[in-house]
Every structure is written in C-alpha cells, then in structure tokens.
N, C-alpha and C. Protein backbone atom coordinates (compact mmCIF):
# COMPACT_ATOMS: atom_id res chain seq x y z
N MET A 1 131.49 23.47 130.66
CA MET A 1 131.09 24.57 129.82
C MET A 1 129.62 24.92 130.08
N ALA A 2 128.76 23.93 130.14
CA ALA A 2 127.33 24.20 130.34
C ALA A 2 127.08 24.87 131.69
N ARG A 3 127.73 24.38 132.71
CA ARG A 3 127.55 24.96 134.05
C ARG A 3 128.05 26.39 134.09
N HIS A 4 129.20 26.64 133.51
CA HIS A 4 129.73 28.01 133.46
C HIS A 4 128.79 28.92 132.69
N GLY A 5 128.30 28.44 131.55
CA GLY A 5 127.37 29.23 130.74
C GLY A 5 126.11 29.59 131.50
N ALA A 6 125.56 28.63 132.22
CA ALA A 6 124.34 28.87 132.99
C ALA A 6 124.59 29.92 134.08
N LEU A 7 125.69 29.78 134.79
CA LEU A 7 126.00 30.74 135.85
C LEU A 7 126.30 32.13 135.29
N LEU A 8 127.05 32.19 134.20
CA LEU A 8 127.37 33.49 133.59
C LEU A 8 126.13 34.16 133.00
N ALA A 9 125.15 33.34 132.61
CA ALA A 9 123.90 33.89 132.08
C ALA A 9 122.98 34.39 133.18
N GLY A 10 123.38 34.15 134.44
CA GLY A 10 122.58 34.62 135.56
C GLY A 10 121.51 33.65 136.02
N LEU A 11 121.57 32.41 135.56
CA LEU A 11 120.60 31.42 136.00
C LEU A 11 120.89 31.05 137.45
N PRO A 12 119.86 30.66 138.20
CA PRO A 12 120.07 30.29 139.61
C PRO A 12 121.05 29.13 139.75
N ILE A 13 121.74 29.09 140.85
CA ILE A 13 122.74 28.05 141.11
C ILE A 13 122.10 26.66 141.12
N GLU A 14 120.81 26.58 141.38
CA GLU A 14 120.11 25.28 141.42
C GLU A 14 119.89 24.70 140.02
N VAL A 15 120.07 25.51 138.97
CA VAL A 15 119.85 25.02 137.60
C VAL A 15 121.03 24.15 137.18
N ALA A 16 120.73 22.94 136.76
CA ALA A 16 121.77 22.00 136.37
C ALA A 16 122.31 22.33 134.99
N GLY A 17 123.48 21.83 134.70
CA GLY A 17 124.08 21.98 133.38
C GLY A 17 124.66 20.66 132.92
N GLN A 18 124.58 20.41 131.64
CA GLN A 18 125.14 19.18 131.06
C GLN A 18 125.93 19.57 129.83
N THR A 19 127.20 19.21 129.79
CA THR A 19 128.04 19.51 128.64
C THR A 19 128.08 18.30 127.72
N VAL A 20 127.89 18.54 126.44
CA VAL A 20 128.02 17.51 125.41
C VAL A 20 129.29 17.82 124.65
N ASN A 21 130.24 16.90 124.64
CA ASN A 21 131.51 17.15 123.97
C ASN A 21 131.68 16.18 122.81
N ARG A 22 131.25 16.62 121.65
CA ARG A 22 131.44 15.82 120.44
C ARG A 22 132.41 16.53 119.51
N LEU A 23 133.09 17.55 120.02
CA LEU A 23 133.91 18.41 119.18
C LEU A 23 132.97 19.03 118.17
N CYS A 24 133.10 18.76 116.89
CA CYS A 24 132.15 19.33 115.94
C CYS A 24 130.78 18.66 116.14
N GLY A 25 129.75 19.43 116.20
CA GLY A 25 128.41 18.88 116.35
C GLY A 25 127.87 18.86 117.76
N SER A 26 128.62 19.39 118.72
CA SER A 26 128.15 19.35 120.11
C SER A 26 126.88 20.17 120.30
N GLY A 27 126.81 21.34 119.67
CA GLY A 27 125.63 22.18 119.79
C GLY A 27 124.39 21.49 119.25
N LEU A 28 124.52 20.85 118.09
CA LEU A 28 123.40 20.11 117.51
C LEU A 28 123.01 18.94 118.41
N ALA A 29 124.01 18.23 118.95
CA ALA A 29 123.72 17.10 119.85
C ALA A 29 123.01 17.60 121.11
N ALA A 30 123.43 18.76 121.63
CA ALA A 30 122.77 19.32 122.82
C ALA A 30 121.32 19.66 122.52
N MET A 31 121.05 20.22 121.34
CA MET A 31 119.68 20.54 120.95
C MET A 31 118.84 19.26 120.84
N MET A 32 119.42 18.21 120.27
CA MET A 32 118.68 16.95 120.14
C MET A 32 118.41 16.35 121.51
N ASP A 33 119.39 16.42 122.42
CA ASP A 33 119.17 15.92 123.79
C ASP A 33 118.05 16.69 124.47
N ALA A 34 118.03 18.02 124.32
CA ALA A 34 116.99 18.83 124.94
C ALA A 34 115.63 18.51 124.35
N ALA A 35 115.55 18.35 123.02
CA ALA A 35 114.28 18.00 122.38
C ALA A 35 113.78 16.65 122.87
N ARG A 36 114.69 15.69 122.97
CA ARG A 36 114.32 14.35 123.45
C ARG A 36 113.81 14.41 124.89
N ALA A 37 114.51 15.16 125.73
CA ALA A 37 114.09 15.29 127.13
C ALA A 37 112.73 15.97 127.23
N ALA A 38 112.49 16.96 126.39
CA ALA A 38 111.19 17.66 126.39
C ALA A 38 110.07 16.69 125.97
N ARG A 39 110.34 15.90 124.91
CA ARG A 39 109.33 14.93 124.45
C ARG A 39 109.01 13.90 125.53
N LEU A 40 110.01 13.55 126.33
CA LEU A 40 109.81 12.55 127.38
C LEU A 40 109.27 13.13 128.67
N GLY A 41 109.08 14.44 128.70
CA GLY A 41 108.54 15.08 129.88
C GLY A 41 109.51 15.13 131.05
N GLU A 42 110.79 15.18 130.75
CA GLU A 42 111.80 15.17 131.82
C GLU A 42 112.04 16.54 132.43
N GLY A 43 111.31 17.52 132.01
CA GLY A 43 111.44 18.87 132.56
C GLY A 43 110.46 19.80 131.88
N LYS A 44 110.44 21.04 132.32
CA LYS A 44 109.51 22.02 131.76
C LYS A 44 110.19 22.97 130.79
N LEU A 45 111.46 23.26 131.01
CA LEU A 45 112.17 24.22 130.17
C LEU A 45 113.60 23.76 129.99
N PHE A 46 114.08 23.78 128.75
CA PHE A 46 115.44 23.37 128.44
C PHE A 46 116.12 24.47 127.65
N LEU A 47 117.37 24.69 127.94
CA LEU A 47 118.18 25.67 127.24
C LEU A 47 119.36 24.91 126.66
N ALA A 48 119.54 24.99 125.35
CA ALA A 48 120.62 24.24 124.71
C ALA A 48 121.33 25.13 123.70
N GLY A 49 122.58 24.86 123.49
CA GLY A 49 123.36 25.62 122.52
C GLY A 49 124.72 24.98 122.33
N GLY A 50 125.58 25.68 121.63
CA GLY A 50 126.90 25.15 121.35
C GLY A 50 127.96 26.23 121.38
N VAL A 51 129.19 25.81 121.61
CA VAL A 51 130.30 26.76 121.71
C VAL A 51 131.55 26.23 121.01
N GLU A 52 131.41 25.43 119.99
CA GLU A 52 132.59 24.88 119.33
C GLU A 52 133.57 25.97 118.90
N SER A 53 134.82 25.71 119.12
CA SER A 53 135.89 26.58 118.67
C SER A 53 137.14 25.73 118.54
N MET A 54 137.21 24.97 117.49
CA MET A 54 138.31 24.04 117.34
C MET A 54 139.65 24.75 117.16
N SER A 55 139.63 26.02 116.78
CA SER A 55 140.89 26.75 116.68
C SER A 55 141.51 26.96 118.06
N ARG A 56 140.71 26.74 119.11
CA ARG A 56 141.24 26.86 120.48
C ARG A 56 141.50 25.50 121.12
N ALA A 57 141.44 24.43 120.32
CA ALA A 57 141.69 23.09 120.86
C ALA A 57 143.13 23.02 121.34
N PRO A 58 143.36 22.32 122.44
CA PRO A 58 144.70 22.33 123.04
C PRO A 58 145.66 21.31 122.42
N TYR A 59 146.92 21.54 122.67
CA TYR A 59 147.92 20.50 122.50
C TYR A 59 147.84 19.67 123.78
N VAL A 60 147.97 18.38 123.66
CA VAL A 60 147.91 17.52 124.84
C VAL A 60 149.10 16.57 124.85
N LEU A 61 149.49 16.16 126.05
CA LEU A 61 150.58 15.21 126.21
C LEU A 61 150.02 13.84 126.54
N GLY A 62 150.53 12.83 125.85
CA GLY A 62 150.18 11.47 126.18
C GLY A 62 150.93 11.02 127.42
N LYS A 63 150.54 9.90 127.96
CA LYS A 63 151.23 9.36 129.14
C LYS A 63 152.58 8.77 128.75
N ALA A 64 153.49 8.83 129.69
CA ALA A 64 154.81 8.24 129.46
C ALA A 64 154.69 6.73 129.38
N ASP A 65 155.62 6.11 128.66
CA ASP A 65 155.62 4.65 128.51
C ASP A 65 156.14 3.93 129.74
N SER A 66 156.97 4.61 130.54
CA SER A 66 157.55 3.96 131.71
C SER A 66 157.76 5.01 132.80
N PRO A 67 157.97 4.57 134.03
CA PRO A 67 158.19 5.53 135.12
C PRO A 67 159.38 6.44 134.82
N TYR A 68 159.25 7.69 135.11
CA TYR A 68 160.28 8.71 134.96
C TYR A 68 160.66 9.00 133.52
N ALA A 69 159.95 8.45 132.57
CA ALA A 69 160.27 8.72 131.16
C ALA A 69 159.98 10.17 130.83
N ARG A 70 160.70 10.70 129.91
CA ARG A 70 160.51 12.08 129.47
C ARG A 70 160.20 12.14 127.97
N ASN A 71 159.62 11.09 127.47
CA ASN A 71 159.35 11.03 126.04
C ASN A 71 157.85 11.04 125.72
N GLN A 72 157.07 11.77 126.49
CA GLN A 72 155.64 11.80 126.25
C GLN A 72 155.36 12.41 124.88
N PRO A 73 154.54 11.74 124.09
CA PRO A 73 154.18 12.30 122.78
C PRO A 73 153.20 13.47 122.95
N MET A 74 153.32 14.46 122.09
CA MET A 74 152.40 15.59 122.12
C MET A 74 151.51 15.51 120.89
N TYR A 75 150.20 15.79 121.07
CA TYR A 75 149.25 15.73 119.98
C TYR A 75 148.56 17.08 119.82
N ASP A 76 148.38 17.46 118.56
CA ASP A 76 147.62 18.66 118.22
C ASP A 76 146.18 18.20 118.03
N THR A 77 145.25 18.67 118.86
CA THR A 77 143.88 18.17 118.82
C THR A 77 142.94 19.01 117.97
N VAL A 78 143.47 19.95 117.20
CA VAL A 78 142.60 20.83 116.42
C VAL A 78 141.74 20.05 115.45
N ILE A 79 142.34 19.17 114.66
CA ILE A 79 141.54 18.44 113.67
C ILE A 79 141.69 16.93 113.78
N GLY A 80 142.38 16.46 114.79
CA GLY A 80 142.60 15.03 114.89
C GLY A 80 142.10 14.45 116.18
N SER A 81 142.33 13.18 116.32
CA SER A 81 141.95 12.47 117.54
C SER A 81 142.84 12.95 118.67
N ARG A 82 142.26 13.11 119.83
CA ARG A 82 143.06 13.60 120.97
C ARG A 82 144.20 12.64 121.28
N PHE A 83 143.91 11.36 121.44
CA PHE A 83 144.95 10.38 121.68
C PHE A 83 144.75 9.24 120.68
N PRO A 84 145.45 9.29 119.55
CA PRO A 84 145.24 8.27 118.52
C PRO A 84 145.48 6.87 119.05
N ASN A 85 144.61 5.96 118.69
CA ASN A 85 144.74 4.56 119.08
C ASN A 85 145.48 3.84 117.95
N PRO A 86 146.62 3.22 118.24
CA PRO A 86 147.41 2.57 117.19
C PRO A 86 146.64 1.48 116.43
N TRP A 87 145.83 0.71 117.13
CA TRP A 87 145.06 -0.35 116.47
C TRP A 87 144.04 0.25 115.51
N ILE A 88 143.33 1.28 115.96
CA ILE A 88 142.34 1.94 115.08
C ILE A 88 143.05 2.52 113.86
N ALA A 89 144.17 3.19 114.07
CA ALA A 89 144.92 3.79 112.95
C ALA A 89 145.35 2.71 111.95
N LYS A 90 145.82 1.56 112.47
CA LYS A 90 146.27 0.48 111.59
C LYS A 90 145.10 -0.11 110.81
N GLU A 91 143.99 -0.35 111.48
CA GLU A 91 142.84 -1.00 110.85
C GLU A 91 142.01 -0.07 109.96
N TYR A 92 141.86 1.19 110.39
CA TYR A 92 140.92 2.09 109.71
C TYR A 92 141.55 3.39 109.22
N GLY A 93 142.80 3.65 109.57
CA GLY A 93 143.44 4.89 109.19
C GLY A 93 143.30 5.93 110.29
N SER A 94 144.02 7.00 110.11
CA SER A 94 144.01 8.05 111.14
C SER A 94 143.70 9.41 110.54
N HIS A 95 142.89 9.43 109.51
CA HIS A 95 142.56 10.69 108.87
C HIS A 95 141.68 11.55 109.77
N SER A 96 141.94 12.84 109.75
CA SER A 96 141.12 13.80 110.49
C SER A 96 139.82 14.02 109.73
N MET A 97 138.91 14.78 110.35
CA MET A 97 137.63 15.08 109.67
C MET A 97 137.85 15.80 108.34
N PRO A 98 138.71 16.84 108.27
CA PRO A 98 138.91 17.49 106.97
C PRO A 98 139.52 16.56 105.93
N GLU A 99 140.46 15.71 106.35
CA GLU A 99 141.04 14.76 105.40
C GLU A 99 139.98 13.76 104.92
N THR A 100 139.13 13.31 105.83
CA THR A 100 138.06 12.39 105.46
C THR A 100 137.10 13.05 104.48
N ALA A 101 136.75 14.32 104.72
CA ALA A 101 135.87 15.04 103.80
C ALA A 101 136.51 15.14 102.42
N ASP A 102 137.81 15.43 102.36
CA ASP A 102 138.51 15.48 101.08
C ASP A 102 138.48 14.12 100.39
N ASN A 103 138.69 13.06 101.16
CA ASN A 103 138.67 11.71 100.58
C ASN A 103 137.30 11.39 100.00
N ILE A 104 136.24 11.71 100.73
CA ILE A 104 134.88 11.43 100.26
C ILE A 104 134.58 12.25 99.01
N ALA A 105 134.95 13.53 99.04
CA ALA A 105 134.72 14.39 97.86
C ALA A 105 135.45 13.82 96.64
N HIS A 106 136.67 13.35 96.86
CA HIS A 106 137.43 12.75 95.76
C HIS A 106 136.76 11.48 95.26
N ASP A 107 136.38 10.59 96.20
CA ASP A 107 135.76 9.32 95.83
C ASP A 107 134.45 9.52 95.09
N LEU A 108 133.68 10.53 95.47
CA LEU A 108 132.37 10.79 94.84
C LEU A 108 132.45 11.83 93.73
N ASN A 109 133.67 12.27 93.42
CA ASN A 109 133.90 13.24 92.35
C ASN A 109 133.09 14.54 92.57
N ILE A 110 133.14 15.04 93.80
CA ILE A 110 132.48 16.30 94.13
C ILE A 110 133.56 17.37 94.20
N GLY A 111 133.55 18.27 93.22
CA GLY A 111 134.56 19.32 93.16
C GLY A 111 134.19 20.53 94.00
N ARG A 112 135.11 21.47 94.08
CA ARG A 112 134.91 22.69 94.88
C ARG A 112 133.72 23.50 94.36
N ASP A 113 133.58 23.61 93.03
CA ASP A 113 132.47 24.40 92.49
C ASP A 113 131.13 23.80 92.89
N ALA A 114 131.00 22.48 92.82
CA ALA A 114 129.74 21.82 93.20
C ALA A 114 129.48 22.00 94.69
N SER A 115 130.53 21.90 95.49
CA SER A 115 130.39 22.08 96.94
C SER A 115 129.97 23.51 97.27
N ASP A 116 130.61 24.49 96.63
CA ASP A 116 130.24 25.89 96.85
C ASP A 116 128.82 26.17 96.39
N ALA A 117 128.40 25.59 95.27
CA ALA A 117 127.04 25.79 94.77
C ALA A 117 126.02 25.21 95.75
N PHE A 118 126.31 24.04 96.32
CA PHE A 118 125.43 23.43 97.31
C PHE A 118 125.29 24.35 98.52
N ALA A 119 126.42 24.88 99.01
CA ALA A 119 126.39 25.77 100.17
C ALA A 119 125.58 27.04 99.86
N ALA A 120 125.76 27.61 98.68
CA ALA A 120 125.01 28.82 98.31
C ALA A 120 123.52 28.52 98.21
N ARG A 121 123.16 27.35 97.65
CA ARG A 121 121.74 26.95 97.57
C ARG A 121 121.16 26.79 98.97
N SER A 122 121.92 26.18 99.87
CA SER A 122 121.46 25.99 101.23
C SER A 122 121.20 27.33 101.91
N GLN A 123 122.11 28.28 101.75
CA GLN A 123 121.94 29.62 102.32
C GLN A 123 120.69 30.29 101.73
N ALA A 124 120.51 30.18 100.43
CA ALA A 124 119.35 30.81 99.77
C ALA A 124 118.04 30.18 100.24
N ARG A 125 118.01 28.87 100.39
CA ARG A 125 116.80 28.20 100.86
C ARG A 125 116.46 28.60 102.29
N TYR A 126 117.49 28.73 103.13
CA TYR A 126 117.25 29.18 104.49
C TYR A 126 116.67 30.59 104.49
N ALA A 127 117.24 31.48 103.68
CA ALA A 127 116.76 32.86 103.61
C ALA A 127 115.30 32.90 103.15
N GLN A 128 114.95 32.07 102.18
CA GLN A 128 113.56 32.02 101.69
C GLN A 128 112.62 31.51 102.78
N ALA A 129 113.01 30.47 103.48
CA ALA A 129 112.17 29.91 104.55
C ALA A 129 112.01 30.93 105.68
N LEU A 130 113.09 31.63 106.01
CA LEU A 130 113.03 32.65 107.06
C LEU A 130 112.07 33.77 106.66
N ALA A 131 112.20 34.25 105.42
CA ALA A 131 111.34 35.33 104.92
C ALA A 131 109.88 34.90 104.84
N ALA A 132 109.64 33.61 104.57
CA ALA A 132 108.27 33.10 104.45
C ALA A 132 107.64 32.81 105.81
N GLY A 133 108.39 33.00 106.90
CA GLY A 133 107.84 32.78 108.22
C GLY A 133 107.91 31.34 108.71
N PHE A 134 108.68 30.50 108.03
CA PHE A 134 108.77 29.10 108.41
C PHE A 134 109.24 28.92 109.85
N TYR A 135 110.11 29.80 110.31
CA TYR A 135 110.68 29.67 111.65
C TYR A 135 109.96 30.51 112.70
N ASP A 136 108.87 31.16 112.32
CA ASP A 136 108.12 31.96 113.30
C ASP A 136 107.69 31.06 114.46
N GLY A 137 107.89 31.54 115.66
CA GLY A 137 107.55 30.75 116.83
C GLY A 137 108.65 29.80 117.26
N GLU A 138 109.69 29.67 116.45
CA GLU A 138 110.81 28.79 116.78
C GLU A 138 111.91 29.55 117.53
N MET A 139 112.02 30.86 117.25
CA MET A 139 113.08 31.67 117.85
C MET A 139 112.47 32.84 118.61
N PHE A 140 113.09 33.22 119.69
CA PHE A 140 112.64 34.39 120.42
C PHE A 140 113.86 35.14 120.92
N GLY A 141 113.67 36.41 121.20
CA GLY A 141 114.79 37.26 121.58
C GLY A 141 115.28 37.03 123.00
N VAL A 142 116.58 37.19 123.17
CA VAL A 142 117.21 37.09 124.47
C VAL A 142 118.10 38.33 124.62
N GLU A 143 117.98 39.02 125.73
CA GLU A 143 118.85 40.16 125.98
C GLU A 143 120.15 39.68 126.60
N VAL A 144 121.25 40.09 125.98
CA VAL A 144 122.58 39.68 126.43
C VAL A 144 123.28 40.90 127.03
N PRO A 145 123.71 40.81 128.29
CA PRO A 145 124.42 41.94 128.89
C PRO A 145 125.69 42.27 128.10
N GLN A 146 125.95 43.57 127.93
CA GLN A 146 127.11 44.02 127.17
C GLN A 146 128.19 44.65 128.05
N GLY A 147 128.00 44.64 129.32
CA GLY A 147 128.98 45.23 130.21
C GLY A 147 128.47 46.53 130.80
N ARG A 148 129.32 47.13 131.59
CA ARG A 148 128.93 48.34 132.30
C ARG A 148 128.64 49.47 131.32
N LYS A 149 127.61 50.21 131.64
CA LYS A 149 127.20 51.42 130.92
C LYS A 149 126.82 51.18 129.47
N GLN A 150 126.52 49.94 129.12
CA GLN A 150 126.05 49.64 127.78
C GLN A 150 124.72 48.92 127.89
N PRO A 151 123.79 49.27 127.00
CA PRO A 151 122.49 48.58 127.05
C PRO A 151 122.65 47.13 126.61
N PRO A 152 121.76 46.25 127.06
CA PRO A 152 121.85 44.85 126.62
C PRO A 152 121.63 44.75 125.11
N LEU A 153 122.24 43.75 124.52
CA LEU A 153 122.08 43.47 123.10
C LEU A 153 120.94 42.48 122.94
N LEU A 154 119.97 42.81 122.10
CA LEU A 154 118.87 41.88 121.82
C LEU A 154 119.29 40.95 120.70
N VAL A 155 119.42 39.68 121.03
CA VAL A 155 119.71 38.66 120.03
C VAL A 155 118.39 37.97 119.73
N ASP A 156 117.84 38.26 118.55
CA ASP A 156 116.51 37.75 118.23
C ASP A 156 116.44 37.02 116.90
N LYS A 157 117.60 36.76 116.31
CA LYS A 157 117.59 36.00 115.06
C LYS A 157 118.92 35.31 114.88
N ASP A 158 118.91 34.31 114.06
CA ASP A 158 120.12 33.57 113.72
C ASP A 158 121.02 34.48 112.89
N GLU A 159 122.32 34.28 113.01
CA GLU A 159 123.24 35.12 112.24
C GLU A 159 123.36 34.67 110.79
N HIS A 160 122.70 33.61 110.42
CA HIS A 160 122.71 33.14 109.04
C HIS A 160 121.35 33.36 108.43
N PRO A 161 121.19 33.50 107.15
CA PRO A 161 122.21 33.28 106.14
C PRO A 161 123.22 34.42 106.11
N SER A 162 124.38 34.07 105.61
CA SER A 162 125.45 35.06 105.55
C SER A 162 125.06 36.17 104.58
N PRO A 163 125.15 37.42 105.02
CA PRO A 163 124.76 38.51 104.12
C PRO A 163 125.80 38.80 103.04
N ARG A 164 127.01 38.31 103.22
CA ARG A 164 128.04 38.61 102.21
C ARG A 164 127.83 37.73 100.98
N LYS A 165 128.31 38.22 99.90
CA LYS A 165 128.21 37.45 98.65
C LYS A 165 129.25 36.33 98.68
N HIS A 166 128.83 35.18 98.26
CA HIS A 166 129.74 34.04 98.26
C HIS A 166 130.58 34.07 97.00
N ARG A 167 131.89 33.99 97.18
CA ARG A 167 132.80 33.97 96.04
C ARG A 167 132.81 32.59 95.43
N ARG A 168 132.98 32.57 94.15
CA ARG A 168 133.07 31.29 93.45
C ARG A 168 134.33 31.23 92.65
C-alpha cells in the first residue's frame, strides 16, 4: 500500500515505502514510526498516513487439513482475527474488537449516552484547539490531482471535527 501510494502521488521511484498493517490503528502507527525515525535522524523527510477500510477486508480461506481436502474453513476478516488460533480462543476467547469494546463498556458500566457525550466533548475540544491555533505549523496544504480537466484539490486541513450535529 505504501509503495503504491508513493508512486501514485508522483514521488520518484527511488523513494522507499513501508506499509504498517495493524488493521485499525495503522495510520497512527505509521505516524509514530515516522516521528521516531525523524527523532533518530534516519532521514530528512517522512510522509506517513493511513488507509484503513475494514469494510473492504477480505474473506480468506484457511489451509486444508490434509492433501486434496476440500474442507478449507472460510473466515470473514472484517472484525475478527484473520486466522483464529484455537489455543488463543480457548485460553483468552475469540471476541472481535467491537465485541471487546462492548464487554469493557459493560464491565465499566459505560452506557451509550456517556460514550456519545465523551465523543462530542472530544470533537468540541479539537475544534477549540484548532480555532486557537494549537495546530498551526503542524499541517500544511497538499494539492491532490483530480483528474483530467479539473484543477487540483487543495487539502489543507483535517476533515474533523465533524460539522454535523451529533445525535443523542
């Protein structure tokens, strides 16, 4: 993904790419890797980002148990482990990330209203910090080609906070 992104962005073929695949959180992990490399002086310029789209996660087939077998198990990787390990499932369970979040919310008695209020507060705090100039110097514009006969799109700010009103 990183190599394709670099080439599609028009970067020279000599520019290396490194893909971080953590499913959820890959973009944040890529940013942390780039920051760490910059602090260590491992380069002069780093470009990092993320492209998570778990709704496009594939169905995958496990390996057959024996030669010529036709009973390969199929797994939906959208919210679960790609190839569940029976020992891990037995010892620790096989809950997906959303199921784990529900379990934690239940265990800590965090209801939907409290969760929604936290999210709304987070969005409001980000908007206040953005308006106060907290992120000035952190973001800069990038022109993105839009195709033939269309001017490039200037992407110069984060798409959040969400401008829509949050329903409660």
